[in-house]
Amino acid sequence: MYISKWWGDLIGGSDDSLALIDYLERLDLTDVTLNQILKDLGFDVLLSEGDLKNGGNIGFDRRSANGMFRVELDIACGVLIDLSAIVLECLKSGYVDLHDLDEARQPCKLYIDASEEKRNLLRDELNKFSRNPLSYDLAELVPTDDMRELAEKAKMIADELL
């Protein structure tokens, strides 16, 4: 997996990361657009407002035996970094296998079609984060050194999303 150099701790290692993978798994699709993912999770609205620093209302609806419930994604910037890494994997490898992201999942190849416009949107947000990571709400939960390391990794991912 191309993104294995980043995936697993600061990127891809949170409860929100697992919820994002759960969302992708429950799509029951093998081909999806980045635009649709951004809409489904609520990033389209959050990004149009231009503020990932303070979270926002993102998540998705999930069906269970007891009906529908909302899965909230708590740290928007973290989820966007995770999603950007997944999109990069699709760009480099042609797909992402959800089992590679979380070994508890069954193998499932997912192809994410990301237009240049949407990749640029991700790049812009990752670059904003990398310039001032301590201004994001995530900094309240993550040690300063880890935030700086995450910012470096986000910048590397942004640079490769061309």
N, C-alpha and C. Protein backbone atom coordinates (compact mmCIF):
# COMPACT_ATOMS: atom_id res chain seq x y z
N MET A 1 0.86 -1.17 0.00
CA MET A 1 0.00 0.00 0.00
C MET A 1 0.90 1.23 0.00
N TYR A 2 0.67 2.11 -0.95
CA TYR A 2 1.52 3.28 -1.12
C TYR A 2 1.52 4.17 0.13
N ILE A 3 0.36 4.34 0.76
CA ILE A 3 0.26 5.26 1.89
C ILE A 3 0.67 4.63 3.22
N SER A 4 1.18 3.43 3.20
CA SER A 4 1.56 2.76 4.46
C SER A 4 2.60 3.55 5.24
N LYS A 5 3.38 4.41 4.56
CA LYS A 5 4.38 5.22 5.26
C LYS A 5 3.71 6.26 6.16
N TRP A 6 2.43 6.55 5.95
CA TRP A 6 1.71 7.50 6.79
C TRP A 6 0.60 6.85 7.60
N TRP A 7 0.01 5.81 7.06
CA TRP A 7 -1.21 5.25 7.63
C TRP A 7 -0.92 4.42 8.87
N GLY A 8 -1.71 4.63 9.93
CA GLY A 8 -1.64 3.74 11.05
C GLY A 8 -1.61 4.37 12.42
N ASP A 9 -1.03 5.55 12.58
CA ASP A 9 -0.97 6.15 13.90
C ASP A 9 -1.66 7.51 13.87
N LEU A 10 -0.94 8.52 13.49
CA LEU A 10 -1.53 9.86 13.44
C LEU A 10 -2.54 10.00 12.30
N ILE A 11 -2.31 9.26 11.25
CA ILE A 11 -3.25 9.23 10.13
C ILE A 11 -3.79 7.81 10.06
N GLY A 12 -5.11 7.70 10.13
CA GLY A 12 -5.73 6.38 10.05
C GLY A 12 -5.79 5.63 11.36
N GLY A 13 -5.47 6.28 12.46
CA GLY A 13 -5.43 5.57 13.73
C GLY A 13 -6.46 6.00 14.76
N SER A 14 -7.47 6.74 14.34
CA SER A 14 -8.46 7.25 15.31
C SER A 14 -9.81 6.55 15.14
N ASP A 15 -10.69 6.81 16.10
CA ASP A 15 -12.07 6.31 15.98
C ASP A 15 -12.75 6.90 14.75
N ASP A 16 -12.46 8.17 14.46
CA ASP A 16 -13.02 8.78 13.25
C ASP A 16 -12.51 8.08 11.99
N SER A 17 -11.24 7.63 12.02
CA SER A 17 -10.68 6.90 10.87
C SER A 17 -11.47 5.63 10.63
N LEU A 18 -11.75 4.90 11.71
CA LEU A 18 -12.51 3.66 11.59
C LEU A 18 -13.93 3.94 11.11
N ALA A 19 -14.52 5.03 11.59
CA ALA A 19 -15.87 5.39 11.13
C ALA A 19 -15.86 5.75 9.65
N LEU A 20 -14.81 6.43 9.19
CA LEU A 20 -14.69 6.75 7.76
C LEU A 20 -14.59 5.47 6.93
N ILE A 21 -13.80 4.52 7.38
CA ILE A 21 -13.68 3.24 6.68
C ILE A 21 -15.02 2.51 6.70
N ASP A 22 -15.73 2.58 7.82
CA ASP A 22 -17.05 1.98 7.92
C ASP A 22 -18.00 2.59 6.89
N TYR A 23 -17.96 3.92 6.77
CA TYR A 23 -18.77 4.59 5.76
C TYR A 23 -18.43 4.07 4.36
N LEU A 24 -17.15 4.01 4.04
CA LEU A 24 -16.72 3.55 2.71
C LEU A 24 -17.16 2.11 2.46
N GLU A 25 -17.07 1.28 3.49
CA GLU A 25 -17.47 -0.12 3.35
C GLU A 25 -18.97 -0.24 3.12
N ARG A 26 -19.74 0.58 3.77
CA ARG A 26 -21.20 0.49 3.68
C ARG A 26 -21.78 1.13 2.42
N LEU A 27 -20.93 1.74 1.61
CA LEU A 27 -21.40 2.29 0.34
C LEU A 27 -21.93 1.20 -0.58
N ASP A 28 -21.41 -0.01 -0.41
CA ASP A 28 -21.77 -1.13 -1.28
C ASP A 28 -21.52 -0.80 -2.75
N LEU A 29 -20.49 -0.03 -2.99
CA LEU A 29 -20.07 0.33 -4.34
C LEU A 29 -18.59 0.00 -4.49
N THR A 30 -18.17 -0.20 -5.72
CA THR A 30 -16.74 -0.34 -5.95
C THR A 30 -16.18 0.93 -6.57
N ASP A 31 -17.05 1.72 -7.19
CA ASP A 31 -16.66 3.01 -7.78
C ASP A 31 -17.47 4.11 -7.13
N VAL A 32 -16.78 5.14 -6.68
CA VAL A 32 -17.45 6.28 -6.07
C VAL A 32 -16.64 7.53 -6.40
N THR A 33 -17.31 8.67 -6.41
CA THR A 33 -16.58 9.91 -6.67
C THR A 33 -16.25 10.59 -5.34
N LEU A 34 -15.15 11.30 -5.34
CA LEU A 34 -14.79 12.08 -4.17
C LEU A 34 -15.86 13.11 -3.88
N ASN A 35 -16.44 13.68 -4.91
CA ASN A 35 -17.51 14.65 -4.74
C ASN A 35 -18.66 14.05 -3.94
N GLN A 36 -19.05 12.81 -4.24
CA GLN A 36 -20.15 12.17 -3.52
C GLN A 36 -19.78 11.92 -2.06
N ILE A 37 -18.54 11.51 -1.80
CA ILE A 37 -18.08 11.28 -0.43
C ILE A 37 -18.15 12.59 0.36
N LEU A 38 -17.65 13.67 -0.24
CA LEU A 38 -17.66 14.97 0.44
C LEU A 38 -19.09 15.40 0.77
N LYS A 39 -20.02 15.17 -0.16
CA LYS A 39 -21.43 15.52 0.08
C LYS A 39 -22.03 14.64 1.17
N ASP A 40 -21.82 13.32 1.05
CA ASP A 40 -22.41 12.40 2.02
C ASP A 40 -21.98 12.70 3.45
N LEU A 41 -20.72 13.07 3.63
CA LEU A 41 -20.19 13.30 4.97
C LEU A 41 -20.44 14.72 5.48
N GLY A 42 -20.85 15.62 4.59
CA GLY A 42 -21.11 17.00 4.99
C GLY A 42 -19.93 17.93 4.80
N PHE A 43 -18.88 17.44 4.18
CA PHE A 43 -17.71 18.28 3.92
C PHE A 43 -18.00 19.37 2.90
N ASP A 44 -18.93 19.12 1.98
CA ASP A 44 -19.24 20.14 0.98
C ASP A 44 -19.67 21.43 1.64
N VAL A 45 -20.52 21.35 2.66
CA VAL A 45 -20.99 22.52 3.38
C VAL A 45 -19.87 23.09 4.25
N LEU A 46 -19.20 22.24 4.98
CA LEU A 46 -18.14 22.69 5.89
C LEU A 46 -17.02 23.39 5.12
N LEU A 47 -16.62 22.83 4.00
CA LEU A 47 -15.54 23.44 3.21
C LEU A 47 -16.00 24.73 2.53
N SER A 48 -17.27 24.81 2.16
CA SER A 48 -17.77 26.06 1.56
C SER A 48 -17.78 27.18 2.59
N GLU A 49 -17.94 26.81 3.87
CA GLU A 49 -17.88 27.79 4.94
C GLU A 49 -16.43 28.15 5.27
N GLY A 50 -15.50 27.31 4.83
CA GLY A 50 -14.08 27.61 4.95
C GLY A 50 -13.47 27.47 6.32
N ASP A 51 -14.03 26.62 7.18
CA ASP A 51 -13.45 26.51 8.51
C ASP A 51 -13.46 25.08 9.03
N LEU A 52 -12.33 24.42 8.89
CA LEU A 52 -12.18 23.08 9.47
C LEU A 52 -11.60 23.14 10.87
N LYS A 53 -11.17 24.30 11.29
CA LYS A 53 -10.47 24.43 12.57
C LYS A 53 -11.33 24.01 13.75
N ASN A 54 -12.60 24.33 13.69
CA ASN A 54 -13.47 24.08 14.84
C ASN A 54 -14.44 22.93 14.61
N GLY A 55 -14.04 21.98 13.81
CA GLY A 55 -14.89 20.81 13.60
C GLY A 55 -16.00 21.10 12.63
N GLY A 56 -17.21 20.99 13.08
CA GLY A 56 -18.34 21.17 12.20
C GLY A 56 -19.24 19.96 12.32
N ASN A 57 -20.34 20.00 11.63
CA ASN A 57 -21.30 18.91 11.70
C ASN A 57 -21.09 17.99 10.52
N ILE A 58 -20.25 16.98 10.71
CA ILE A 58 -20.03 16.00 9.64
C ILE A 58 -20.33 14.62 10.17
N GLY A 59 -20.69 13.75 9.28
CA GLY A 59 -21.02 12.38 9.64
C GLY A 59 -21.88 11.76 8.56
N PHE A 60 -22.47 10.63 8.91
CA PHE A 60 -23.31 9.92 7.95
C PHE A 60 -24.36 9.13 8.70
N ASP A 61 -25.43 8.81 7.98
CA ASP A 61 -26.51 8.01 8.54
C ASP A 61 -26.20 6.54 8.32
N ARG A 62 -26.48 5.75 9.35
CA ARG A 62 -26.21 4.31 9.28
C ARG A 62 -27.46 3.55 9.72
N ARG A 63 -27.75 2.53 8.97
CA ARG A 63 -28.91 1.68 9.28
C ARG A 63 -28.45 0.55 10.20
N SER A 64 -29.25 0.28 11.21
CA SER A 64 -28.99 -0.85 12.10
C SER A 64 -30.29 -1.61 12.29
N ALA A 65 -30.24 -2.66 13.07
CA ALA A 65 -31.45 -3.45 13.34
C ALA A 65 -32.52 -2.60 14.03
N ASN A 66 -32.11 -1.55 14.73
CA ASN A 66 -33.04 -0.69 15.46
C ASN A 66 -33.43 0.56 14.68
N GLY A 67 -33.08 0.62 13.41
CA GLY A 67 -33.42 1.77 12.58
C GLY A 67 -32.19 2.56 12.17
N MET A 68 -32.40 3.82 11.85
CA MET A 68 -31.31 4.69 11.40
C MET A 68 -30.75 5.47 12.58
N PHE A 69 -29.44 5.70 12.54
CA PHE A 69 -28.81 6.59 13.50
C PHE A 69 -27.68 7.33 12.83
N ARG A 70 -27.29 8.42 13.41
CA ARG A 70 -26.26 9.30 12.86
C ARG A 70 -24.91 8.94 13.46
N VAL A 71 -23.92 8.72 12.61
CA VAL A 71 -22.54 8.51 13.05
C VAL A 71 -21.84 9.86 12.89
N GLU A 72 -21.50 10.46 14.00
CA GLU A 72 -20.82 11.77 13.98
C GLU A 72 -19.32 11.57 13.87
N LEU A 73 -18.70 12.36 13.03
CA LEU A 73 -17.25 12.39 12.91
C LEU A 73 -16.80 13.63 13.66
N ASP A 74 -16.03 13.44 14.72
CA ASP A 74 -15.76 14.52 15.67
C ASP A 74 -14.72 15.53 15.24
N ILE A 75 -13.66 15.09 14.60
CA ILE A 75 -12.54 15.98 14.26
C ILE A 75 -12.43 16.08 12.75
N ALA A 76 -13.05 17.11 12.19
CA ALA A 76 -13.15 17.25 10.74
C ALA A 76 -11.79 17.27 10.06
N CYS A 77 -10.83 18.00 10.62
CA CYS A 77 -9.52 18.08 9.95
C CYS A 77 -8.84 16.72 9.90
N GLY A 78 -9.00 15.92 10.96
CA GLY A 78 -8.41 14.59 10.98
C GLY A 78 -9.04 13.68 9.94
N VAL A 79 -10.35 13.75 9.81
CA VAL A 79 -11.06 12.93 8.82
C VAL A 79 -10.65 13.35 7.41
N LEU A 80 -10.50 14.65 7.19
CA LEU A 80 -10.10 15.12 5.87
C LEU A 80 -8.68 14.66 5.52
N ILE A 81 -7.80 14.64 6.50
CA ILE A 81 -6.44 14.13 6.26
C ILE A 81 -6.50 12.64 5.92
N ASP A 82 -7.27 11.89 6.68
CA ASP A 82 -7.44 10.45 6.40
C ASP A 82 -8.00 10.24 4.99
N LEU A 83 -9.05 10.98 4.66
CA LEU A 83 -9.68 10.85 3.34
C LEU A 83 -8.69 11.22 2.25
N SER A 84 -7.90 12.25 2.47
CA SER A 84 -6.90 12.66 1.47
C SER A 84 -5.88 11.56 1.24
N ALA A 85 -5.46 10.89 2.31
CA ALA A 85 -4.52 9.78 2.16
C ALA A 85 -5.15 8.65 1.36
N ILE A 86 -6.41 8.37 1.61
CA ILE A 86 -7.11 7.31 0.88
C ILE A 86 -7.23 7.68 -0.60
N VAL A 87 -7.55 8.94 -0.87
CA VAL A 87 -7.62 9.40 -2.27
C VAL A 87 -6.25 9.26 -2.93
N LEU A 88 -5.20 9.60 -2.21
CA LEU A 88 -3.84 9.46 -2.75
C LEU A 88 -3.54 8.00 -3.07
N GLU A 89 -3.96 7.09 -2.20
CA GLU A 89 -3.76 5.66 -2.47
C GLU A 89 -4.43 5.28 -3.78
N CYS A 90 -5.64 5.77 -3.99
CA CYS A 90 -6.36 5.48 -5.23
C CYS A 90 -5.65 6.07 -6.45
N LEU A 91 -5.08 7.25 -6.29
CA LEU A 91 -4.34 7.86 -7.39
C LEU A 91 -3.09 7.06 -7.74
N LYS A 92 -2.39 6.59 -6.72
CA LYS A 92 -1.12 5.89 -6.94
C LYS A 92 -1.32 4.43 -7.34
N SER A 93 -2.28 3.76 -6.72
CA SER A 93 -2.47 2.33 -6.94
C SER A 93 -3.66 2.00 -7.84
N GLY A 94 -4.52 2.98 -8.06
CA GLY A 94 -5.72 2.75 -8.86
C GLY A 94 -6.93 2.41 -8.01
N TYR A 95 -6.72 2.02 -6.77
CA TYR A 95 -7.80 1.65 -5.85
C TYR A 95 -7.24 1.63 -4.43
N VAL A 96 -8.13 1.47 -3.47
CA VAL A 96 -7.73 1.21 -2.10
C VAL A 96 -8.46 -0.05 -1.65
N ASP A 97 -7.76 -0.93 -0.98
CA ASP A 97 -8.39 -2.11 -0.40
C ASP A 97 -8.68 -1.78 1.06
N LEU A 98 -9.96 -1.82 1.44
CA LEU A 98 -10.34 -1.45 2.80
C LEU A 98 -9.68 -2.35 3.85
N HIS A 99 -9.37 -3.57 3.48
CA HIS A 99 -8.65 -4.47 4.39
C HIS A 99 -7.26 -3.94 4.72
N ASP A 100 -6.62 -3.28 3.77
CA ASP A 100 -5.31 -2.68 4.01
C ASP A 100 -5.39 -1.51 4.99
N LEU A 101 -6.52 -0.83 5.01
CA LEU A 101 -6.71 0.29 5.92
C LEU A 101 -7.06 -0.18 7.33
N ASP A 102 -7.76 -1.29 7.41
CA ASP A 102 -8.19 -1.85 8.69
C ASP A 102 -8.27 -3.37 8.52
N GLU A 103 -7.34 -4.08 9.13
CA GLU A 103 -7.24 -5.52 8.92
C GLU A 103 -8.47 -6.29 9.40
N ALA A 104 -9.34 -5.66 10.18
CA ALA A 104 -10.56 -6.32 10.63
C ALA A 104 -11.61 -6.40 9.51
N ARG A 105 -11.38 -5.67 8.42
CA ARG A 105 -12.33 -5.65 7.29
C ARG A 105 -12.02 -6.78 6.32
N GLN A 106 -13.05 -7.16 5.60
CA GLN A 106 -12.87 -8.10 4.50
C GLN A 106 -12.21 -7.37 3.34
N PRO A 107 -11.44 -8.06 2.52
CA PRO A 107 -10.89 -7.39 1.34
C PRO A 107 -12.01 -6.79 0.49
N CYS A 108 -11.82 -5.56 0.11
CA CYS A 108 -12.82 -4.85 -0.69
C CYS A 108 -12.11 -3.72 -1.42
N LYS A 109 -11.99 -3.85 -2.73
CA LYS A 109 -11.34 -2.81 -3.52
C LYS A 109 -12.33 -1.71 -3.85
N LEU A 110 -11.90 -0.48 -3.56
CA LEU A 110 -12.73 0.69 -3.80
C LEU A 110 -11.96 1.64 -4.70
N TYR A 111 -12.63 2.11 -5.73
CA TYR A 111 -12.05 3.05 -6.68
C TYR A 111 -12.70 4.40 -6.45
N ILE A 112 -11.90 5.40 -6.09
CA ILE A 112 -12.42 6.74 -5.86
C ILE A 112 -11.97 7.63 -7.01
N ASP A 113 -12.94 8.15 -7.74
CA ASP A 113 -12.67 9.07 -8.84
C ASP A 113 -12.62 10.48 -8.25
N ALA A 114 -11.43 11.08 -8.29
CA ALA A 114 -11.24 12.40 -7.72
C ALA A 114 -10.82 13.37 -8.82
N SER A 115 -11.71 14.29 -9.13
CA SER A 115 -11.40 15.29 -10.16
C SER A 115 -10.25 16.17 -9.69
N GLU A 116 -9.61 16.82 -10.64
CA GLU A 116 -8.52 17.73 -10.30
C GLU A 116 -9.02 18.85 -9.38
N GLU A 117 -10.22 19.33 -9.64
CA GLU A 117 -10.80 20.39 -8.81
C GLU A 117 -10.94 19.93 -7.35
N LYS A 118 -11.44 18.74 -7.14
CA LYS A 118 -11.64 18.22 -5.77
C LYS A 118 -10.30 17.88 -5.12
N ARG A 119 -9.36 17.38 -5.89
CA ARG A 119 -8.01 17.12 -5.33
C ARG A 119 -7.37 18.43 -4.91
N ASN A 120 -7.56 19.48 -5.70
CA ASN A 120 -7.03 20.80 -5.34
C ASN A 120 -7.67 21.32 -4.06
N LEU A 121 -8.95 21.05 -3.89
CA LEU A 121 -9.65 21.43 -2.66
C LEU A 121 -9.00 20.74 -1.46
N LEU A 122 -8.75 19.44 -1.58
CA LEU A 122 -8.07 18.70 -0.51
C LEU A 122 -6.68 19.28 -0.25
N ARG A 123 -5.95 19.51 -1.33
CA ARG A 123 -4.59 20.05 -1.19
C ARG A 123 -4.59 21.39 -0.47
N ASP A 124 -5.52 22.26 -0.84
CA ASP A 124 -5.60 23.58 -0.19
C ASP A 124 -5.86 23.44 1.31
N GLU A 125 -6.78 22.56 1.67
CA GLU A 125 -7.10 22.37 3.09
C GLU A 125 -5.93 21.74 3.86
N LEU A 126 -5.25 20.78 3.25
CA LEU A 126 -4.09 20.17 3.89
C LEU A 126 -2.97 21.19 4.07
N ASN A 127 -2.78 22.05 3.08
CA ASN A 127 -1.75 23.08 3.19
C ASN A 127 -2.09 24.10 4.27
N LYS A 128 -3.37 24.47 4.39
CA LYS A 128 -3.78 25.37 5.48
C LYS A 128 -3.46 24.73 6.83
N PHE A 129 -3.81 23.47 6.97
CA PHE A 129 -3.55 22.76 8.21
C PHE A 129 -2.05 22.71 8.50
N SER A 130 -1.25 22.41 7.50
CA SER A 130 0.19 22.23 7.72
C SER A 130 0.87 23.55 8.11
N ARG A 131 0.32 24.68 7.70
CA ARG A 131 0.91 25.97 8.06
C ARG A 131 0.66 26.36 9.51
N ASN A 132 -0.47 25.92 10.08
CA ASN A 132 -0.80 26.32 11.44
C ASN A 132 -1.62 25.24 12.16
N PRO A 133 -1.03 24.07 12.38
CA PRO A 133 -1.80 22.96 12.95
C PRO A 133 -2.29 23.21 14.37
N LEU A 134 -1.59 24.03 15.11
CA LEU A 134 -1.98 24.24 16.51
C LEU A 134 -3.22 25.12 16.66
N SER A 135 -3.70 25.70 15.57
CA SER A 135 -4.92 26.50 15.62
C SER A 135 -6.18 25.65 15.45
N TYR A 136 -6.04 24.36 15.21
CA TYR A 136 -7.18 23.47 14.99
C TYR A 136 -7.61 22.84 16.31
N ASP A 137 -8.90 22.50 16.40
CA ASP A 137 -9.42 21.90 17.63
C ASP A 137 -8.73 20.59 17.99
N LEU A 138 -8.19 19.91 17.03
CA LEU A 138 -7.46 18.66 17.28
C LEU A 138 -6.29 18.89 18.23
N ALA A 139 -5.71 20.08 18.23
CA ALA A 139 -4.55 20.39 19.08
C ALA A 139 -4.89 20.31 20.56
N GLU A 140 -6.16 20.39 20.90
CA GLU A 140 -6.58 20.25 22.30
C GLU A 140 -6.45 18.81 22.77
N LEU A 141 -6.42 17.87 21.85
CA LEU A 141 -6.40 16.45 22.18
C LEU A 141 -5.06 15.77 21.91
N VAL A 142 -4.24 16.39 21.07
CA VAL A 142 -3.02 15.76 20.59
C VAL A 142 -1.82 16.59 21.05
N PRO A 143 -0.76 15.94 21.56
CA PRO A 143 0.43 16.68 21.97
C PRO A 143 1.02 17.51 20.83
N THR A 144 1.65 18.61 21.19
CA THR A 144 2.19 19.57 20.22
C THR A 144 3.14 18.91 19.23
N ASP A 145 4.05 18.07 19.71
CA ASP A 145 5.00 17.42 18.80
C ASP A 145 4.27 16.54 17.79
N ASP A 146 3.23 15.84 18.23
CA ASP A 146 2.45 15.01 17.31
C ASP A 146 1.70 15.86 16.29
N MET A 147 1.20 17.01 16.74
CA MET A 147 0.51 17.91 15.80
C MET A 147 1.48 18.40 14.72
N ARG A 148 2.69 18.71 15.12
CA ARG A 148 3.68 19.17 14.13
C ARG A 148 4.04 18.04 13.16
N GLU A 149 4.16 16.83 13.70
CA GLU A 149 4.44 15.67 12.83
C GLU A 149 3.28 15.43 11.87
N LEU A 150 2.06 15.52 12.38
CA LEU A 150 0.88 15.35 11.53
C LEU A 150 0.85 16.41 10.44
N ALA A 151 1.23 17.65 10.79
CA ALA A 151 1.27 18.73 9.80
C ALA A 151 2.28 18.42 8.70
N GLU A 152 3.43 17.87 9.06
CA GLU A 152 4.44 17.49 8.06
C GLU A 152 3.89 16.42 7.13
N LYS A 153 3.23 15.43 7.71
CA LYS A 153 2.66 14.34 6.91
C LYS A 153 1.54 14.86 6.00
N ALA A 154 0.71 15.75 6.53
CA ALA A 154 -0.37 16.34 5.72
C ALA A 154 0.21 17.11 4.54
N LYS A 155 1.31 17.81 4.77
CA LYS A 155 1.96 18.56 3.69
C LYS A 155 2.50 17.61 2.62
N MET A 156 3.09 16.49 3.06
CA MET A 156 3.61 15.51 2.09
C MET A 156 2.48 14.93 1.24
N ILE A 157 1.34 14.62 1.88
CA ILE A 157 0.20 14.09 1.14
C ILE A 157 -0.31 15.14 0.15
N ALA A 158 -0.42 16.39 0.62
CA ALA A 158 -0.89 17.48 -0.25
C ALA A 158 0.01 17.61 -1.47
N ASP A 159 1.31 17.53 -1.27
CA ASP A 159 2.26 17.66 -2.38
C ASP A 159 2.11 16.56 -3.41
N GLU A 160 1.63 15.40 -2.99
CA GLU A 160 1.49 14.27 -3.91
C GLU A 160 0.12 14.17 -4.56
N LEU A 161 -0.81 14.98 -4.12
CA LEU A 161 -2.18 14.93 -4.68
C LEU A 161 -2.31 15.69 -6.00
N LEU A 162 -1.24 15.89 -6.69
CA LEU A 162 -1.26 16.62 -7.96
C LEU A 162 -2.01 15.88 -9.03
